Amino acid sequence: MAFTVSSRGEGVRFAVHVQPRARKPGIDGTHGDALRVRVHAPPVEGAANDAVVDIIAEALGVPVRAVRIAAGHTARQKLVDVDGVDAPDVTLKLLAARG
């Protein structure tokens, strides 16, 4: 199980596949070359996006302001940017956070 993390300036970018309205929120492995994130929130008014940002920030130990959705705001497939981290560290921390 692996997903692609690209270095980007002072941070990284990676794909996320979101499953809204999940019973148990958290990181759940991969979906193709994307990280699979389950969120309890529905995909309404950005609630699922906010939940994705919170889960990723907590797993990486970075402030919420360091994580942002770069593309796919209304889709299940999203591109996420995280500032202040490097690619190898992100891969290890996110896959270790699977629950």
Protein backbone atom coordinates (compact mmCIF):
# COMPACT_ATOMS: atom_id res chain seq x y z
CA MET A 1 0.00 0.00 0.00
CA ALA A 2 1.46 3.28 -1.10
CA PHE A 3 0.33 6.65 -2.26
CA THR A 4 2.21 9.32 -4.14
CA VAL A 5 3.58 12.32 -2.24
CA SER A 6 5.27 15.08 -4.26
CA SER A 7 7.57 17.72 -2.84
CA ARG A 8 6.28 21.20 -3.54
CA GLY A 9 8.18 24.28 -2.41
CA GLU A 10 8.29 24.19 1.38
CA GLY A 11 5.84 21.31 1.65
CA VAL A 12 4.15 18.46 -0.15
CA ARG A 13 1.11 17.64 -2.30
CA PHE A 14 -0.77 14.35 -2.44
CA ALA A 15 -4.09 12.95 -3.59
CA VAL A 16 -6.85 12.06 -1.15
CA HIS A 17 -9.92 9.92 -1.75
CA VAL A 18 -12.66 10.97 0.71
CA GLN A 19 -15.46 8.80 2.02
CA PRO A 20 -18.05 11.11 3.63
CA ARG A 21 -20.60 9.95 6.20
CA ALA A 22 -18.35 7.15 7.42
CA ARG A 23 -19.09 5.46 10.73
CA LYS A 24 -15.50 5.64 11.89
CA PRO A 25 -13.54 8.71 10.74
CA GLY A 26 -9.80 8.54 10.11
CA ILE A 27 -7.15 7.47 7.66
CA ASP A 28 -7.97 4.12 6.10
CA GLY A 29 -5.03 3.15 3.90
CA THR A 30 -4.95 3.94 0.24
CA HIS A 31 -7.22 4.03 -2.78
CA GLY A 32 -5.08 3.62 -5.88
CA ASP A 33 -2.34 6.24 -5.55
CA ALA A 34 -4.42 8.35 -3.14
CA LEU A 35 -4.68 8.34 0.63
CA ARG A 36 -8.16 7.17 1.73
CA VAL A 37 -9.71 9.37 4.43
CA ARG A 38 -13.05 8.57 6.01
CA VAL A 39 -14.99 11.44 7.57
CA HIS A 40 -18.18 11.43 9.58
CA ALA A 41 -19.29 14.76 8.09
CA PRO A 42 -21.58 14.92 5.06
CA PRO A 43 -20.34 16.55 1.85
CA VAL A 44 -22.38 19.69 2.50
CA GLU A 45 -21.14 23.28 2.79
CA GLY A 46 -17.50 22.22 3.11
CA ALA A 47 -18.03 20.12 6.24
CA ALA A 48 -16.29 17.06 4.76
CA ASN A 49 -13.40 19.20 3.50
CA ASP A 50 -12.92 20.71 6.97
CA ALA A 51 -12.94 17.22 8.49
CA VAL A 52 -10.32 16.01 5.99
CA VAL A 53 -8.06 18.95 6.85
CA ASP A 54 -8.48 18.28 10.59
CA ILE A 55 -7.67 14.57 10.26
CA ILE A 56 -4.57 15.16 8.13
CA ALA A 57 -3.28 17.98 10.35
CA GLU A 58 -3.68 15.84 13.47
CA ALA A 59 -1.98 12.82 11.87
CA LEU A 60 0.99 14.92 10.73
CA GLY A 61 1.23 17.01 13.90
CA VAL A 62 0.95 20.29 12.02
CA PRO A 63 -1.40 23.24 12.55
CA VAL A 64 -4.67 23.16 10.61
CA ARG A 65 -3.56 26.30 8.75
CA ALA A 66 -0.67 24.29 7.22
CA VAL A 67 -3.11 21.96 5.41
CA ARG A 68 -5.27 23.10 2.51
CA ILE A 69 -7.28 21.52 -0.26
CA ALA A 70 -5.71 22.66 -3.54
CA ALA A 71 -8.18 21.00 -5.94
CA GLY A 72 -11.34 18.92 -5.85
CA HIS A 73 -13.35 20.95 -3.34
CA THR A 74 -16.61 19.33 -4.45
CA ALA A 75 -15.28 15.91 -5.45
CA ARG A 76 -14.25 12.78 -3.56
CA GLN A 77 -10.82 12.96 -5.18
CA LYS A 78 -8.86 15.93 -3.85
CA LEU A 79 -5.34 17.30 -4.00
CA VAL A 80 -4.04 18.37 -0.61
CA ASP A 81 -1.07 20.67 0.10
CA VAL A 82 0.72 20.58 3.43
CA ASP A 83 3.34 23.18 4.35
CA GLY A 84 6.35 22.61 6.58
CA VAL A 85 6.78 18.85 6.05
CA ASP A 86 8.80 16.59 3.74
CA ALA A 87 7.60 13.72 1.55
CA PRO A 88 9.22 10.73 3.35
CA ASP A 89 7.99 11.94 6.75
CA VAL A 90 4.45 12.47 5.44
CA THR A 91 4.27 8.99 3.95
CA LEU A 92 5.41 7.33 7.17
CA LYS A 93 3.17 9.35 9.47
CA LEU A 94 0.00 9.05 7.38
CA LEU A 95 0.29 5.33 6.77
CA ALA A 96 1.11 4.80 10.45
CA ALA A 97 -2.06 6.73 11.36
CA ARG A 98 -4.33 4.15 9.71
CA GLY A 99 -7.08 3.20 12.03
